[in-house]
Amino acid sequence: MAFLSLLSFLLPILLSFSSAVSTNSEGNALHVFRTRLSDPTNVLQSWDPTLVNPCTWFHVTCDSNNHVVRLDLGNSNISGSLGPELGELKHLQYLELYRNSIGGKIPKELGNLEKLVSLDLYGNKFKGNIPKSFATLKSLRFLRINDNELSGSIPRELANLSNLKVFDVSNNDLCGTIPVDGPFGNFAMESYENNRLNGPELKGLVPYDFGC
C-alpha cells in the first residue's frame, strides 16, 4: 500500500517532468530554427530561448500538454532557410510559412512530422526536389508548395497519402509526368500549371520522370 501511495504521488510529477522536457526540446528546435532566419520586422521578438517552453511565444500554438501543434509565420517578411531541427516538433499539425522569402532545400526531416495536417510553404524561394519523405505524412490533408523554384519530378511515393485533399505545385520548375494513383486522380490540372510537366502518367509507356 505504501508503494502504491508513493507511486500515485510521484506519477504526476514524472509525467509533468516528461512533458516539460519534451516541450523544452521543442523550444530548442524553434530557437535553432530562428537562428537560420532574417527577421527585419521583429515578428519573432517574443521567441525567448530562456523560457521553459515556447508556448507563450507569438505565432506558436500549443495543446493542453504544452506540445507545439501549430507554427504560424505566413506572410511575415522573413527569409533564410529551413533546417532538420523542425523534424523535432513531433506534435506539429500545422506548419504555415507561406509568402515569405525562405530559400534553400526543403528538409527531408519534415517527413518526421507524422501528425502534420497542413503544410503551406507556397510563395517562397525553395529549390531542389520535393522530399520523398513527405510520403510518411499519413495525416496530411493540405500540401501547398506552389510558387517556388522546385525542380525534379513529383515523387510517386506521395500517391500513398490517402488523406490528401489539396495539392498544389504550380509555378515551379518540375518535370516528368503527373501521377494518377491515389489522391492524384482528384486534383485539378491548375495544381500543376506553369511547370515542365508532360501531362498524366501513361503507365508502362514512358517513365514517370520522362522529360527531366
N, C-alpha and C. Protein backbone atom coordinates (compact mmCIF):
# COMPACT_ATOMS: atom_id res chain seq x y z
N MET A 1 0.83 -1.20 0.00
CA MET A 1 0.00 0.00 0.00
C MET A 1 0.87 1.26 0.00
N ALA A 2 1.96 1.20 0.80
CA ALA A 2 2.85 2.36 0.87
C ALA A 2 3.47 2.63 -0.50
N PHE A 3 3.81 1.53 -1.20
CA PHE A 3 4.42 1.69 -2.52
C PHE A 3 3.43 2.33 -3.50
N LEU A 4 2.17 1.85 -3.44
CA LEU A 4 1.15 2.39 -4.32
C LEU A 4 0.89 3.86 -4.02
N SER A 5 0.90 4.19 -2.74
CA SER A 5 0.70 5.58 -2.34
C SER A 5 1.83 6.46 -2.86
N LEU A 6 3.06 5.94 -2.75
CA LEU A 6 4.22 6.69 -3.25
C LEU A 6 4.15 6.84 -4.76
N LEU A 7 3.72 5.76 -5.43
CA LEU A 7 3.63 5.80 -6.88
C LEU A 7 2.59 6.82 -7.34
N SER A 8 1.45 6.87 -6.65
CA SER A 8 0.40 7.82 -7.02
C SER A 8 0.85 9.25 -6.78
N PHE A 9 1.78 9.42 -5.85
CA PHE A 9 2.32 10.76 -5.58
C PHE A 9 3.35 11.17 -6.64
N LEU A 10 4.18 10.19 -7.03
CA LEU A 10 5.27 10.51 -7.96
C LEU A 10 4.84 10.57 -9.42
N LEU A 11 3.81 9.81 -9.78
CA LEU A 11 3.43 9.72 -11.19
C LEU A 11 3.11 11.06 -11.82
N PRO A 12 2.26 11.91 -11.19
CA PRO A 12 2.00 13.22 -11.81
C PRO A 12 3.27 14.05 -11.96
N ILE A 13 4.18 13.93 -11.00
CA ILE A 13 5.44 14.69 -11.08
C ILE A 13 6.27 14.22 -12.26
N LEU A 14 6.36 12.89 -12.42
CA LEU A 14 7.15 12.33 -13.52
C LEU A 14 6.55 12.69 -14.86
N LEU A 15 5.22 12.63 -14.95
CA LEU A 15 4.56 12.99 -16.20
C LEU A 15 4.77 14.47 -16.53
N SER A 16 4.70 15.30 -15.51
CA SER A 16 4.93 16.73 -15.70
C SER A 16 6.35 16.99 -16.16
N PHE A 17 7.30 16.27 -15.55
CA PHE A 17 8.70 16.43 -15.93
C PHE A 17 8.93 15.99 -17.37
N SER A 18 8.30 14.87 -17.75
CA SER A 18 8.43 14.37 -19.12
C SER A 18 7.89 15.37 -20.12
N SER A 19 6.74 15.97 -19.81
CA SER A 19 6.15 16.97 -20.69
C SER A 19 7.04 18.19 -20.80
N ALA A 20 7.63 18.61 -19.67
CA ALA A 20 8.50 19.78 -19.67
C ALA A 20 9.74 19.54 -20.51
N VAL A 21 10.31 18.33 -20.39
CA VAL A 21 11.50 18.01 -21.18
C VAL A 21 11.16 18.03 -22.66
N SER A 22 10.01 17.43 -23.01
CA SER A 22 9.60 17.40 -24.41
C SER A 22 9.39 18.80 -24.94
N THR A 23 8.68 19.62 -24.16
CA THR A 23 8.41 20.98 -24.60
C THR A 23 9.69 21.79 -24.71
N ASN A 24 10.62 21.55 -23.79
CA ASN A 24 11.87 22.27 -23.83
C ASN A 24 12.66 21.90 -25.09
N SER A 25 12.61 20.63 -25.49
CA SER A 25 13.29 20.22 -26.71
C SER A 25 12.65 20.88 -27.93
N GLU A 26 11.34 21.06 -27.88
CA GLU A 26 10.65 21.76 -28.96
C GLU A 26 11.07 23.23 -29.00
N GLY A 27 11.21 23.82 -27.82
CA GLY A 27 11.69 25.20 -27.75
C GLY A 27 13.10 25.34 -28.29
N ASN A 28 13.95 24.37 -27.97
CA ASN A 28 15.31 24.38 -28.50
C ASN A 28 15.31 24.29 -30.02
N ALA A 29 14.44 23.43 -30.56
CA ALA A 29 14.35 23.28 -32.01
C ALA A 29 13.91 24.58 -32.67
N LEU A 30 12.92 25.24 -32.07
CA LEU A 30 12.45 26.51 -32.63
C LEU A 30 13.50 27.60 -32.51
N HIS A 31 14.28 27.56 -31.45
CA HIS A 31 15.36 28.55 -31.30
C HIS A 31 16.41 28.36 -32.40
N VAL A 32 16.78 27.11 -32.69
CA VAL A 32 17.72 26.86 -33.78
C VAL A 32 17.12 27.32 -35.11
N PHE A 33 15.83 27.04 -35.30
CA PHE A 33 15.13 27.49 -36.50
C PHE A 33 15.22 29.01 -36.64
N ARG A 34 15.03 29.71 -35.53
CA ARG A 34 15.08 31.17 -35.57
C ARG A 34 16.46 31.67 -36.00
N THR A 35 17.53 30.98 -35.57
CA THR A 35 18.87 31.44 -35.90
C THR A 35 19.13 31.36 -37.41
N ARG A 36 18.34 30.61 -38.13
CA ARG A 36 18.51 30.48 -39.58
C ARG A 36 17.79 31.59 -40.34
N LEU A 37 17.00 32.39 -39.64
CA LEU A 37 16.12 33.35 -40.30
C LEU A 37 16.58 34.79 -40.15
N SER A 38 16.28 35.58 -41.15
CA SER A 38 16.40 37.03 -41.07
C SER A 38 15.00 37.57 -40.81
N ASP A 39 14.87 38.43 -39.80
CA ASP A 39 13.56 38.88 -39.33
C ASP A 39 13.56 40.41 -39.19
N PRO A 40 13.53 41.13 -40.31
CA PRO A 40 13.69 42.59 -40.26
C PRO A 40 12.57 43.33 -39.55
N THR A 41 11.39 42.73 -39.45
CA THR A 41 10.27 43.41 -38.78
C THR A 41 10.01 42.86 -37.38
N ASN A 42 10.91 42.03 -36.87
CA ASN A 42 10.86 41.54 -35.47
C ASN A 42 9.58 40.79 -35.12
N VAL A 43 9.08 39.99 -36.04
CA VAL A 43 7.90 39.19 -35.71
C VAL A 43 8.23 38.08 -34.72
N LEU A 44 9.53 37.77 -34.59
CA LEU A 44 9.96 36.71 -33.67
C LEU A 44 10.56 37.27 -32.39
N GLN A 45 10.25 38.50 -32.09
CA GLN A 45 10.85 39.16 -30.93
C GLN A 45 10.53 38.46 -29.62
N SER A 46 9.37 37.82 -29.55
CA SER A 46 8.95 37.16 -28.30
C SER A 46 9.57 35.78 -28.11
N TRP A 47 10.34 35.30 -29.08
CA TRP A 47 10.91 33.95 -29.00
C TRP A 47 12.14 33.98 -28.10
N ASP A 48 11.90 33.89 -26.81
CA ASP A 48 12.95 33.98 -25.80
C ASP A 48 13.43 32.58 -25.43
N PRO A 49 14.65 32.20 -25.79
CA PRO A 49 15.13 30.84 -25.53
C PRO A 49 15.35 30.52 -24.06
N THR A 50 15.29 31.53 -23.18
CA THR A 50 15.49 31.28 -21.75
C THR A 50 14.22 30.80 -21.06
N LEU A 51 13.09 30.86 -21.73
CA LEU A 51 11.84 30.40 -21.14
C LEU A 51 11.78 28.87 -21.14
N VAL A 52 11.02 28.31 -20.21
CA VAL A 52 10.94 26.85 -20.06
C VAL A 52 10.33 26.21 -21.31
N ASN A 53 9.33 26.84 -21.87
CA ASN A 53 8.74 26.30 -23.09
C ASN A 53 8.31 27.45 -24.00
N PRO A 54 8.05 27.15 -25.28
CA PRO A 54 7.74 28.19 -26.26
C PRO A 54 6.27 28.53 -26.37
N CYS A 55 5.45 28.04 -25.46
CA CYS A 55 4.00 28.20 -25.61
C CYS A 55 3.52 29.63 -25.41
N THR A 56 4.37 30.50 -24.87
CA THR A 56 4.00 31.91 -24.71
C THR A 56 4.51 32.77 -25.87
N TRP A 57 5.23 32.15 -26.80
CA TRP A 57 5.76 32.91 -27.92
C TRP A 57 4.65 33.23 -28.93
N PHE A 58 4.73 34.40 -29.52
CA PHE A 58 3.79 34.74 -30.59
C PHE A 58 4.02 33.82 -31.79
N HIS A 59 2.92 33.50 -32.48
CA HIS A 59 2.93 32.67 -33.69
C HIS A 59 3.13 31.19 -33.39
N VAL A 60 3.16 30.81 -32.11
CA VAL A 60 3.29 29.41 -31.70
C VAL A 60 2.05 29.01 -30.91
N THR A 61 1.42 27.91 -31.27
CA THR A 61 0.25 27.41 -30.56
C THR A 61 0.56 26.04 -29.97
N CYS A 62 0.19 25.85 -28.70
CA CYS A 62 0.42 24.57 -28.01
C CYS A 62 -0.92 23.93 -27.63
N ASP A 63 -0.87 22.63 -27.39
CA ASP A 63 -2.06 21.94 -26.90
C ASP A 63 -2.07 21.96 -25.37
N SER A 64 -3.01 21.23 -24.76
CA SER A 64 -3.16 21.26 -23.30
C SER A 64 -1.98 20.63 -22.58
N ASN A 65 -1.16 19.88 -23.30
CA ASN A 65 0.04 19.27 -22.71
C ASN A 65 1.31 20.06 -23.01
N ASN A 66 1.13 21.28 -23.49
CA ASN A 66 2.26 22.16 -23.81
C ASN A 66 3.14 21.64 -24.94
N HIS A 67 2.54 20.89 -25.85
CA HIS A 67 3.25 20.47 -27.06
C HIS A 67 2.93 21.46 -28.18
N VAL A 68 3.93 21.81 -28.97
CA VAL A 68 3.73 22.74 -30.08
C VAL A 68 2.95 22.02 -31.18
N VAL A 69 1.77 22.56 -31.51
CA VAL A 69 0.93 21.94 -32.54
C VAL A 69 0.75 22.82 -33.76
N ARG A 70 1.15 24.08 -33.64
CA ARG A 70 0.93 24.99 -34.77
C ARG A 70 2.01 26.06 -34.80
N LEU A 71 2.52 26.33 -36.00
CA LEU A 71 3.51 27.38 -36.21
C LEU A 71 3.00 28.25 -37.35
N ASP A 72 2.61 29.49 -37.02
CA ASP A 72 2.00 30.41 -37.98
C ASP A 72 2.93 31.57 -38.27
N LEU A 73 3.67 31.46 -39.36
CA LEU A 73 4.57 32.54 -39.76
C LEU A 73 4.35 32.90 -41.23
N GLY A 74 3.15 32.69 -41.71
CA GLY A 74 2.83 33.08 -43.07
C GLY A 74 2.85 34.59 -43.24
N ASN A 75 3.37 35.04 -44.39
CA ASN A 75 3.36 36.47 -44.73
C ASN A 75 4.01 37.31 -43.64
N SER A 76 5.18 36.87 -43.17
CA SER A 76 5.85 37.52 -42.03
C SER A 76 7.14 38.25 -42.41
N ASN A 77 7.42 38.33 -43.71
CA ASN A 77 8.58 39.08 -44.18
C ASN A 77 9.89 38.50 -43.66
N ILE A 78 9.94 37.18 -43.51
CA ILE A 78 11.17 36.53 -43.05
C ILE A 78 11.87 35.86 -44.23
N SER A 79 13.16 35.68 -44.10
CA SER A 79 13.95 35.00 -45.12
C SER A 79 14.95 34.09 -44.41
N GLY A 80 15.71 33.35 -45.19
CA GLY A 80 16.66 32.40 -44.62
C GLY A 80 16.41 31.02 -45.16
N SER A 81 16.52 30.01 -44.31
CA SER A 81 16.35 28.62 -44.75
C SER A 81 15.75 27.78 -43.63
N LEU A 82 15.34 26.58 -43.99
CA LEU A 82 14.84 25.61 -43.01
C LEU A 82 15.92 24.58 -42.74
N GLY A 83 15.89 24.01 -41.53
CA GLY A 83 16.87 23.00 -41.16
C GLY A 83 16.21 21.76 -40.60
N PRO A 84 16.99 20.74 -40.31
CA PRO A 84 16.46 19.46 -39.83
C PRO A 84 15.80 19.55 -38.47
N GLU A 85 16.09 20.63 -37.72
CA GLU A 85 15.52 20.75 -36.37
C GLU A 85 14.00 20.79 -36.37
N LEU A 86 13.38 21.22 -37.45
CA LEU A 86 11.91 21.26 -37.49
C LEU A 86 11.32 19.86 -37.38
N GLY A 87 12.09 18.86 -37.73
CA GLY A 87 11.63 17.48 -37.59
C GLY A 87 11.47 17.04 -36.15
N GLU A 88 11.96 17.85 -35.18
CA GLU A 88 11.82 17.54 -33.76
C GLU A 88 10.45 17.91 -33.21
N LEU A 89 9.67 18.66 -33.96
CA LEU A 89 8.35 19.11 -33.49
C LEU A 89 7.33 18.01 -33.74
N LYS A 90 7.43 16.93 -32.99
CA LYS A 90 6.72 15.69 -33.25
C LYS A 90 5.19 15.82 -33.19
N HIS A 91 4.71 16.84 -32.50
CA HIS A 91 3.26 17.00 -32.33
C HIS A 91 2.68 18.04 -33.28
N LEU A 92 3.51 18.60 -34.14
CA LEU A 92 3.08 19.69 -35.01
C LEU A 92 2.00 19.22 -35.99
N GLN A 93 0.93 20.01 -36.09
CA GLN A 93 -0.16 19.71 -37.00
C GLN A 93 -0.25 20.71 -38.16
N TYR A 94 0.18 21.94 -37.92
CA TYR A 94 0.10 22.99 -38.94
C TYR A 94 1.43 23.72 -39.03
N LEU A 95 2.04 23.70 -40.21
CA LEU A 95 3.27 24.43 -40.47
C LEU A 95 2.98 25.43 -41.58
N GLU A 96 2.81 26.69 -41.18
CA GLU A 96 2.39 27.75 -42.10
C GLU A 96 3.52 28.75 -42.28
N LEU A 97 4.24 28.63 -43.40
CA LEU A 97 5.38 29.51 -43.68
C LEU A 97 5.23 30.20 -45.03
N TYR A 98 4.02 30.30 -45.53
CA TYR A 98 3.76 30.81 -46.87
C TYR A 98 4.07 32.31 -47.00
N ARG A 99 4.34 32.70 -48.25
CA ARG A 99 4.56 34.10 -48.63
C ARG A 99 5.64 34.78 -47.81
N ASN A 100 6.80 34.17 -47.82
CA ASN A 100 7.99 34.77 -47.25
C ASN A 100 9.09 34.72 -48.31
N SER A 101 10.34 34.79 -47.91
CA SER A 101 11.46 34.70 -48.85
C SER A 101 12.43 33.61 -48.40
N ILE A 102 11.87 32.51 -47.89
CA ILE A 102 12.68 31.41 -47.40
C ILE A 102 13.17 30.59 -48.59
N GLY A 103 14.47 30.27 -48.60
CA GLY A 103 15.05 29.56 -49.72
C GLY A 103 15.76 28.29 -49.30
N GLY A 104 16.61 27.79 -50.19
CA GLY A 104 17.31 26.54 -49.93
C GLY A 104 16.41 25.34 -50.17
N LYS A 105 16.85 24.18 -49.74
CA LYS A 105 16.10 22.96 -49.93
C LYS A 105 15.07 22.75 -48.81
N ILE A 106 14.01 22.05 -49.14
CA ILE A 106 13.04 21.64 -48.12
C ILE A 106 13.62 20.44 -47.38
N PRO A 107 13.81 20.52 -46.06
CA PRO A 107 14.46 19.42 -45.33
C PRO A 107 13.65 18.12 -45.39
N LYS A 108 14.32 17.02 -45.63
CA LYS A 108 13.64 15.73 -45.64
C LYS A 108 13.09 15.39 -44.27
N GLU A 109 13.65 16.01 -43.21
CA GLU A 109 13.21 15.73 -41.84
C GLU A 109 11.77 16.17 -41.58
N LEU A 110 11.18 16.98 -42.45
CA LEU A 110 9.77 17.32 -42.28
C LEU A 110 8.91 16.06 -42.39
N GLY A 111 9.46 15.03 -42.99
CA GLY A 111 8.75 13.75 -43.05
C GLY A 111 8.59 13.08 -41.70
N ASN A 112 9.27 13.59 -40.67
CA ASN A 112 9.12 13.05 -39.31
C ASN A 112 7.88 13.58 -38.61
N LEU A 113 7.22 14.57 -39.18
CA LEU A 113 6.08 15.22 -38.52
C LEU A 113 4.81 14.44 -38.82
N GLU A 114 4.66 13.29 -38.18
CA GLU A 114 3.61 12.34 -38.52
C GLU A 114 2.20 12.84 -38.24
N LYS A 115 2.07 13.88 -37.42
CA LYS A 115 0.74 14.40 -37.10
C LYS A 115 0.37 15.60 -37.96
N LEU A 116 1.24 15.95 -38.91
CA LEU A 116 1.01 17.15 -39.71
C LEU A 116 -0.24 17.01 -40.58
N VAL A 117 -1.09 18.03 -40.51
CA VAL A 117 -2.32 18.08 -41.29
C VAL A 117 -2.17 19.05 -42.46
N SER A 118 -1.49 20.16 -42.22
CA SER A 118 -1.35 21.19 -43.25
C SER A 118 0.10 21.64 -43.35
N LEU A 119 0.63 21.64 -44.57
CA LEU A 119 1.98 22.11 -44.84
C LEU A 119 1.90 23.15 -45.95
N ASP A 120 2.06 24.41 -45.58
CA ASP A 120 1.95 25.52 -46.53
C ASP A 120 3.28 26.24 -46.64
N LEU A 121 4.00 25.96 -47.74
CA LEU A 121 5.30 26.57 -48.00
C LEU A 121 5.25 27.42 -49.27
N TYR A 122 4.07 27.70 -49.76
CA TYR A 122 3.96 28.38 -51.05
C TYR A 122 4.42 29.84 -50.97
N GLY A 123 4.83 30.34 -52.13
CA GLY A 123 5.23 31.74 -52.21
C GLY A 123 6.56 32.03 -51.55
N ASN A 124 7.52 31.12 -51.68
CA ASN A 124 8.86 31.32 -51.13
C ASN A 124 9.89 31.16 -52.25
N LYS A 125 11.10 30.77 -51.89
CA LYS A 125 12.17 30.60 -52.88
C LYS A 125 12.85 29.24 -52.74
N PHE A 126 12.08 28.24 -52.35
CA PHE A 126 12.64 26.91 -52.16
C PHE A 126 13.12 26.33 -53.49
N LYS A 127 14.27 25.64 -53.43
CA LYS A 127 14.85 25.00 -54.60
C LYS A 127 15.04 23.51 -54.31
N GLY A 128 15.46 22.77 -55.34
CA GLY A 128 15.70 21.34 -55.15
C GLY A 128 14.44 20.53 -55.33
N ASN A 129 14.50 19.28 -54.92
CA ASN A 129 13.40 18.34 -55.14
C ASN A 129 12.37 18.38 -54.02
N ILE A 130 11.18 17.89 -54.34
CA ILE A 130 10.16 17.63 -53.32
C ILE A 130 10.62 16.39 -52.55
N PRO A 131 10.78 16.47 -51.23
CA PRO A 131 11.29 15.30 -50.49
C PRO A 131 10.36 14.08 -50.59
N LYS A 132 10.94 12.93 -50.88
CA LYS A 132 10.17 11.69 -50.89
C LYS A 132 9.66 11.35 -49.50
N SER A 133 10.32 11.89 -48.48
CA SER A 133 9.92 11.61 -47.10
C SER A 133 8.53 12.14 -46.78
N PHE A 134 8.00 13.03 -47.60
CA PHE A 134 6.63 13.51 -47.39
C PHE A 134 5.63 12.36 -47.42
N ALA A 135 6.02 11.25 -48.02
CA ALA A 135 5.12 10.09 -48.12
C ALA A 135 4.78 9.49 -46.77
N THR A 136 5.53 9.82 -45.73
CA THR A 136 5.25 9.31 -44.38
C THR A 136 4.23 10.16 -43.63
N LEU A 137 3.81 11.27 -44.22
CA LEU A 137 2.88 12.19 -43.55
C LEU A 137 1.44 11.72 -43.78
N LYS A 138 1.07 10.64 -43.13
CA LYS A 138 -0.20 9.97 -43.39
C LYS A 138 -1.42 10.80 -42.99
N SER A 139 -1.24 11.80 -42.11
CA SER A 139 -2.36 12.64 -41.70
C SER A 139 -2.53 13.88 -42.58
N LEU A 140 -1.61 14.07 -43.52
CA LEU A 140 -1.58 15.31 -44.30
C LEU A 140 -2.80 15.44 -45.20
N ARG A 141 -3.44 16.61 -45.10
CA ARG A 141 -4.61 16.91 -45.94
C ARG A 141 -4.34 18.05 -46.92
N PHE A 142 -3.44 18.94 -46.55
CA PHE A 142 -3.16 20.11 -47.39
C PHE A 142 -1.65 20.23 -47.62
N LEU A 143 -1.23 20.16 -48.87
CA LEU A 143 0.18 20.31 -49.22
C LEU A 143 0.27 21.35 -50.33
N ARG A 144 0.71 22.56 -49.96
CA ARG A 144 0.79 23.65 -50.93
C ARG A 144 2.23 24.16 -50.97
N ILE A 145 2.90 23.84 -52.07
CA ILE A 145 4.30 24.25 -52.24
C ILE A 145 4.46 24.98 -53.58
N ASN A 146 3.38 25.56 -54.05
CA ASN A 146 3.39 26.29 -55.31
C ASN A 146 4.17 27.60 -55.18
N ASP A 147 4.49 28.18 -56.33
CA ASP A 147 5.18 29.47 -56.39
C ASP A 147 6.52 29.45 -55.66
N ASN A 148 7.33 28.47 -56.03
CA ASN A 148 8.70 28.36 -55.54
C ASN A 148 9.61 28.13 -56.74
N GLU A 149 10.77 27.53 -56.52
CA GLU A 149 11.72 27.24 -57.60
C GLU A 149 12.11 25.76 -57.56
N LEU A 150 11.15 24.91 -57.21
CA LEU A 150 11.40 23.49 -57.07
C LEU A 150 11.60 22.82 -58.43
N SER A 151 12.42 21.78 -58.43
CA SER A 151 12.73 21.09 -59.67
C SER A 151 12.62 19.57 -59.46
N GLY A 152 12.89 18.81 -60.51
CA GLY A 152 12.76 17.36 -60.41
C GLY A 152 11.32 16.92 -60.63
N SER A 153 11.07 15.65 -60.41
CA SER A 153 9.74 15.09 -60.64
C SER A 153 8.92 15.05 -59.36
N ILE A 154 7.63 14.82 -59.50
CA ILE A 154 6.75 14.65 -58.35
C ILE A 154 6.94 13.22 -57.82
N PRO A 155 7.36 13.06 -56.57
CA PRO A 155 7.61 11.70 -56.05
C PRO A 155 6.37 10.82 -56.11
N ARG A 156 6.49 9.65 -56.70
CA ARG A 156 5.35 8.73 -56.78
C ARG A 156 4.94 8.22 -55.41
N GLU A 157 5.82 8.30 -54.45
CA GLU A 157 5.51 7.86 -53.09
C GLU A 157 4.34 8.65 -52.49
N LEU A 158 4.12 9.87 -52.99
CA LEU A 158 3.05 10.71 -52.44
C LEU A 158 1.66 10.15 -52.76
N ALA A 159 1.59 9.23 -53.69
CA ALA A 159 0.30 8.61 -54.01
C ALA A 159 -0.25 7.80 -52.85
N ASN A 160 0.58 7.51 -51.85
CA ASN A 160 0.13 6.76 -50.67
C ASN A 160 -0.53 7.65 -49.62
N LEU A 161 -0.58 8.95 -49.86
CA LEU A 161 -1.20 9.88 -48.89
C LEU A 161 -2.70 9.91 -49.10
N SER A 162 -3.39 8.95 -48.54
CA SER A 162 -4.82 8.76 -48.81
C SER A 162 -5.68 9.89 -48.27
N ASN A 163 -5.19 10.65 -47.30
CA ASN A 163 -5.99 11.74 -46.73
C ASN A 163 -5.77 13.07 -47.43
N LEU A 164 -4.88 13.11 -48.42
CA LEU A 164 -4.54 14.36 -49.07
C LEU A 164 -5.72 14.88 -49.90
N LYS A 165 -6.16 16.11 -49.59
CA LYS A 165 -7.31 16.72 -50.27
C LYS A 165 -6.91 17.87 -51.18
N VAL A 166 -5.86 18.57 -50.80
CA VAL A 166 -5.39 19.72 -51.60
C VAL A 166 -3.90 19.55 -51.87
N PHE A 167 -3.53 19.66 -53.14
CA PHE A 167 -2.13 19.51 -53.55
C PHE A 167 -1.87 20.54 -54.64
N ASP A 168 -0.91 21.43 -54.40
CA ASP A 168 -0.63 22.48 -55.37
C ASP A 168 0.87 22.64 -55.54
N VAL A 169 1.36 22.37 -56.75
CA VAL A 169 2.78 22.55 -57.06
C VAL A 169 2.96 23.49 -58.25
N SER A 170 1.94 24.27 -58.57
CA SER A 170 2.00 25.15 -59.73
C SER A 170 3.10 26.20 -59.56
N ASN A 171 3.57 26.70 -60.70
CA ASN A 171 4.57 27.78 -60.72
C ASN A 171 5.88 27.37 -60.04
N ASN A 172 6.41 26.23 -60.50
CA ASN A 172 7.75 25.78 -60.11
C ASN A 172 8.51 25.43 -61.38
N ASP A 173 9.47 24.53 -61.28
CA ASP A 173 10.20 24.07 -62.45
C ASP A 173 10.25 22.54 -62.46
N LEU A 174 9.11 21.93 -62.12
CA LEU A 174 9.01 20.48 -62.03
C LEU A 174 8.94 19.86 -63.42
N CYS A 175 9.39 18.62 -63.51
CA CYS A 175 9.40 17.91 -64.80
C CYS A 175 8.84 16.51 -64.60
N GLY A 176 8.84 15.73 -65.68
CA GLY A 176 8.28 14.39 -65.61
C GLY A 176 6.79 14.40 -65.89
N THR A 177 6.11 13.35 -65.44
CA THR A 177 4.67 13.24 -65.67
C THR A 177 3.91 13.41 -64.35
N ILE A 178 2.62 13.62 -64.48
CA ILE A 178 1.75 13.82 -63.31
C ILE A 178 1.22 12.47 -62.83
N PRO A 179 1.36 12.16 -61.55
CA PRO A 179 0.85 10.87 -61.03
C PRO A 179 -0.66 10.74 -61.24
N VAL A 180 -1.13 9.53 -61.31
CA VAL A 180 -2.56 9.28 -61.47
C VAL A 180 -3.13 8.41 -60.35
N ASP A 181 -2.26 7.84 -59.52
CA ASP A 181 -2.71 6.93 -58.47
C ASP A 181 -3.17 7.69 -57.22
N GLY A 182 -3.91 6.98 -56.36
CA GLY A 182 -4.30 7.52 -55.06
C GLY A 182 -5.07 8.83 -55.20
N PRO A 183 -4.73 9.81 -54.37
CA PRO A 183 -5.47 11.08 -54.37
C PRO A 183 -5.23 11.91 -55.63
N PHE A 184 -4.20 11.56 -56.42
CA PHE A 184 -3.87 12.38 -57.59
C PHE A 184 -4.96 12.34 -58.66
N GLY A 185 -5.85 11.39 -58.57
CA GLY A 185 -6.96 11.36 -59.52
C GLY A 185 -7.98 12.45 -59.28
N ASN A 186 -7.86 13.16 -58.15
CA ASN A 186 -8.88 14.15 -57.78
C ASN A 186 -8.41 15.60 -57.89
N PHE A 187 -7.14 15.83 -58.19
CA PHE A 187 -6.63 17.20 -58.19
C PHE A 187 -6.80 17.84 -59.56
N ALA A 188 -7.21 19.12 -59.56
CA ALA A 188 -7.42 19.85 -60.81
C ALA A 188 -6.08 20.11 -61.50
N MET A 189 -6.12 20.25 -62.81
CA MET A 189 -4.90 20.49 -63.58
C MET A 189 -4.24 21.81 -63.20
N GLU A 190 -5.03 22.74 -62.64
CA GLU A 190 -4.45 24.01 -62.20
C GLU A 190 -3.40 23.82 -61.11
N SER A 191 -3.46 22.67 -60.44
CA SER A 191 -2.49 22.38 -59.39
C SER A 191 -1.08 22.18 -59.93
N TYR A 192 -0.98 21.96 -61.25
CA TYR A 192 0.31 21.61 -61.85
C TYR A 192 0.80 22.64 -62.87
N GLU A 193 0.02 23.68 -63.14
CA GLU A 193 0.34 24.57 -64.25
C GLU A 193 1.64 25.34 -64.03
N ASN A 194 2.21 25.79 -65.15
CA ASN A 194 3.47 26.56 -65.15
C ASN A 194 4.64 25.76 -64.57
N ASN A 195 4.76 24.53 -65.03
CA ASN A 195 5.92 23.69 -64.78
C ASN A 195 6.37 23.13 -66.12
N ARG A 196 7.23 22.12 -66.11
CA ARG A 196 7.63 21.43 -67.33
C ARG A 196 7.09 20.00 -67.34
N LEU A 197 5.94 19.83 -66.73
CA LEU A 197 5.32 18.51 -66.63
C LEU A 197 4.72 18.09 -67.96
N ASN A 198 4.68 16.77 -68.21
CA ASN A 198 4.26 16.24 -69.51
C ASN A 198 2.85 15.65 -69.50
N GLY A 199 2.04 16.04 -68.54
CA GLY A 199 0.69 15.52 -68.52
C GLY A 199 0.59 14.25 -67.70
N PRO A 200 -0.61 13.67 -67.60
CA PRO A 200 -0.82 12.48 -66.76
C PRO A 200 0.07 11.32 -67.17
N GLU A 201 0.47 10.55 -66.18
CA GLU A 201 1.34 9.40 -66.39
C GLU A 201 0.63 8.32 -67.23
N LEU A 202 1.34 7.82 -68.21
CA LEU A 202 0.85 6.69 -69.01
C LEU A 202 1.66 5.47 -68.62
N LYS A 203 1.11 4.70 -67.73
CA LYS A 203 1.88 3.59 -67.14
C LYS A 203 2.30 2.57 -68.19
N GLY A 204 3.57 2.20 -68.09
CA GLY A 204 4.11 1.20 -68.98
C GLY A 204 4.55 1.73 -70.33
N LEU A 205 4.23 2.99 -70.63
CA LEU A 205 4.59 3.56 -71.92
C LEU A 205 5.82 4.45 -71.83
N VAL A 206 5.84 5.32 -70.83
CA VAL A 206 7.00 6.19 -70.62
C VAL A 206 7.33 6.21 -69.13
N PRO A 207 8.59 6.41 -68.76
CA PRO A 207 8.93 6.52 -67.34
C PRO A 207 8.31 7.78 -66.74
N TYR A 208 8.01 7.71 -65.45
CA TYR A 208 7.34 8.84 -64.80
C TYR A 208 8.20 10.10 -64.83
N ASP A 209 9.53 9.94 -64.90
CA ASP A 209 10.39 11.11 -64.93
C ASP A 209 10.78 11.49 -66.36
N PHE A 210 9.98 11.08 -67.31
CA PHE A 210 10.22 11.41 -68.71
C PHE A 210 10.28 12.92 -68.90
N GLY A 211 11.34 13.39 -69.53
CA GLY A 211 11.49 14.84 -69.79
C GLY A 211 12.31 15.55 -68.74
N CYS A 212 12.72 14.86 -67.67
CA CYS A 212 13.53 15.51 -66.64
C CYS A 212 15.01 15.54 -67.03
